[in-house]
Amino acid sequence: VVDIGSYGRAVARISVQGADLGELLLKNGYGWYYERYAPSATEYDRLQKQARSAELGLWYRTDPIPPWDWRDGKRRSPKSTPTPEGLPYDPSGTDRDCGDFSSQDQAQRFFEAAQNESSEKDPHRLDRDGNGQACESLP
């Protein structure tokens, strides 16, 4: 156990024969990295992007349903719902993170649309350093 999370749950690193279980799951496309709860886990982010690019595991589908949407009762892919301005997601809909976008430009357009739909400056927390640029690590 490395921490106790905001909901009182244990946050832990699990090793399987010396390998990090989280890395194994992400590397093979069987896990979903959520930047909001592990913002400094850059290796997890990299492994998820590699698995996604290679269409491994859950990424073989073009529209996997994020676990946070599944828990909220949204059983259809958010990509299957028409959205404004040709964006991949509804800016006033389910919370999104940088891993949901294929490019910085796409994330930036979503970020700006979400600002227009909300009273919050960054409702999806896509601008980590507050400089007005969303998901700067994306290509």
Protein backbone atom coordinates (compact mmCIF):
# COMPACT_ATOMS: atom_id res chain seq x y z
CA VAL A 1 0.00 0.00 0.00
CA VAL A 2 1.47 3.35 -1.03
CA ASP A 3 -1.45 5.64 -0.15
CA ILE A 4 -5.07 5.81 0.93
CA GLY A 5 -7.19 7.41 -1.79
CA SER A 6 -9.86 10.07 -1.44
CA TYR A 7 -12.59 7.42 -1.06
CA GLY A 8 -10.69 5.65 1.72
CA ARG A 9 -9.46 2.89 -0.58
CA ALA A 10 -5.94 1.49 -0.47
CA VAL A 11 -3.74 2.53 -3.39
CA ALA A 12 -1.12 -0.15 -3.92
CA ARG A 13 1.57 -1.45 -6.23
CA ILE A 14 1.19 -5.15 -6.94
CA SER A 15 4.02 -7.26 -8.27
CA VAL A 16 3.63 -10.54 -10.10
CA GLN A 17 6.91 -12.44 -10.31
CA GLY A 18 8.74 -9.12 -9.99
CA ALA A 19 6.71 -7.28 -12.64
CA ASP A 20 4.31 -4.39 -11.93
CA LEU A 21 0.75 -5.68 -12.45
CA GLY A 22 -0.48 -2.28 -13.61
CA GLU A 23 2.20 -2.16 -16.30
CA LEU A 24 1.38 -5.70 -17.43
CA LEU A 25 -2.32 -4.89 -17.74
CA LEU A 26 -1.75 -1.63 -19.61
CA LYS A 27 0.95 -3.09 -21.89
CA ASN A 28 -1.44 -5.80 -23.06
CA GLY A 29 -4.45 -3.49 -23.38
CA TYR A 30 -6.34 -4.90 -20.40
CA GLY A 31 -6.28 -1.83 -18.20
CA TRP A 32 -7.26 1.80 -18.44
CA TYR A 33 -4.93 4.50 -17.14
CA TYR A 34 -6.80 7.40 -15.55
CA GLU A 35 -4.52 10.43 -15.37
CA ARG A 36 -6.74 12.25 -12.86
CA TYR A 37 -5.83 9.79 -10.11
CA ALA A 38 -2.22 9.15 -11.15
CA PRO A 39 -0.97 12.32 -12.85
CA SER A 40 2.71 11.42 -12.52
CA ALA A 41 2.41 7.85 -13.82
CA THR A 42 3.99 8.66 -17.18
CA GLU A 43 5.04 5.05 -17.79
CA TYR A 44 1.41 3.93 -17.43
CA ASP A 45 0.36 6.65 -19.87
CA ARG A 46 3.03 5.56 -22.38
CA LEU A 47 2.09 1.88 -22.11
CA GLN A 48 -1.61 2.63 -22.64
CA LYS A 49 -0.84 4.73 -25.72
CA GLN A 50 1.30 1.93 -27.15
CA ALA A 51 -1.41 -0.68 -26.54
CA ARG A 52 -4.02 1.64 -28.03
CA SER A 53 -1.90 2.25 -31.14
CA ALA A 54 -1.36 -1.49 -31.54
CA GLU A 55 -5.09 -2.15 -30.94
CA LEU A 56 -4.33 -4.65 -28.18
CA GLY A 57 -6.87 -5.94 -25.66
CA LEU A 58 -9.81 -3.61 -25.18
CA TRP A 59 -8.32 -1.27 -27.79
CA TYR A 60 -9.18 -3.66 -30.63
CA ARG A 61 -12.56 -1.88 -30.57
CA THR A 62 -12.76 1.61 -31.97
CA ASP A 63 -15.14 2.67 -29.20
CA PRO A 64 -14.42 0.90 -25.88
CA ILE A 65 -16.59 2.14 -23.02
CA PRO A 66 -14.50 3.72 -20.26
CA PRO A 67 -15.04 2.12 -16.85
CA TRP A 68 -16.20 5.43 -15.34
CA ASP A 69 -18.95 5.58 -17.98
CA TRP A 70 -19.90 1.95 -17.37
CA ARG A 71 -20.19 2.58 -13.63
CA ASP A 72 -22.37 5.63 -14.33
CA GLY A 73 -24.78 3.38 -16.27
CA LYS A 74 -23.74 4.57 -19.73
CA ARG A 75 -23.61 1.31 -21.62
CA ARG A 76 -23.23 2.81 -25.10
CA SER A 77 -19.97 4.16 -26.34
CA PRO A 78 -19.72 7.94 -26.04
CA LYS A 79 -18.34 7.96 -29.60
CA SER A 80 -21.63 6.57 -30.92
CA THR A 81 -23.51 9.66 -29.74
CA PRO A 82 -23.56 12.64 -32.14
CA THR A 83 -21.64 15.58 -30.75
CA PRO A 84 -21.43 19.27 -31.59
CA GLU A 85 -18.84 20.76 -33.91
CA GLY A 86 -17.60 17.35 -35.10
CA LEU A 87 -15.95 16.64 -31.75
CA PRO A 88 -15.50 13.01 -30.65
CA TYR A 89 -17.32 13.66 -27.36
CA ASP A 90 -19.99 15.98 -25.99
CA PRO A 91 -18.14 18.79 -24.12
CA SER A 92 -20.90 18.97 -21.52
CA GLY A 93 -21.05 15.19 -21.12
CA THR A 94 -18.98 12.62 -19.26
CA ASP A 95 -15.62 13.64 -17.82
CA ARG A 96 -12.76 13.14 -20.27
CA ASP A 97 -8.99 13.02 -19.97
CA CYS A 98 -6.12 13.42 -22.40
CA GLY A 99 -6.05 9.69 -23.16
CA ASP A 100 -9.44 10.06 -24.85
CA PHE A 101 -8.01 12.18 -27.67
CA SER A 102 -5.82 11.27 -30.63
CA SER A 103 -4.18 14.70 -31.01
CA GLN A 104 -3.53 17.91 -29.11
CA ASP A 105 -5.59 19.81 -31.68
CA GLN A 106 -8.61 17.56 -31.05
CA ALA A 107 -8.21 17.93 -27.28
CA GLN A 108 -7.84 21.70 -27.63
CA ARG A 109 -11.07 22.01 -29.64
CA PHE A 110 -12.87 19.91 -27.02
CA PHE A 111 -11.31 21.97 -24.18
CA GLU A 112 -12.50 25.24 -25.73
CA ALA A 113 -15.99 23.87 -26.43
CA ALA A 114 -16.24 22.60 -22.83
CA GLN A 115 -15.29 26.06 -21.53
CA ASN A 116 -18.17 27.52 -23.55
CA GLU A 117 -20.60 24.95 -22.12
CA SER A 118 -19.56 25.35 -18.48
CA SER A 119 -19.02 28.05 -15.89
CA GLU A 120 -15.73 26.34 -15.00
CA LYS A 121 -12.49 27.32 -16.73
CA ASP A 122 -11.33 23.71 -17.21
CA PRO A 123 -14.22 21.35 -16.35
CA HIS A 124 -12.38 18.24 -17.62
CA ARG A 125 -8.98 19.19 -16.14
CA LEU A 126 -7.18 18.95 -19.49
CA ASP A 127 -4.89 21.94 -18.91
CA ARG A 128 -2.51 20.80 -16.18
CA ASP A 129 -0.38 23.93 -16.06
CA GLY A 130 -3.20 26.45 -16.62
CA ASN A 131 -1.66 28.02 -19.72
CA GLY A 132 -4.74 27.56 -21.92
CA GLN A 133 -3.28 24.60 -23.85
CA ALA A 134 -4.99 21.24 -23.34
CA CYS A 135 -3.14 17.92 -23.35
CA GLU A 136 0.19 19.35 -24.44
CA SER A 137 1.85 15.92 -24.39
CA LEU A 138 -0.31 14.68 -27.28
CA PRO A 139 1.04 14.76 -30.84
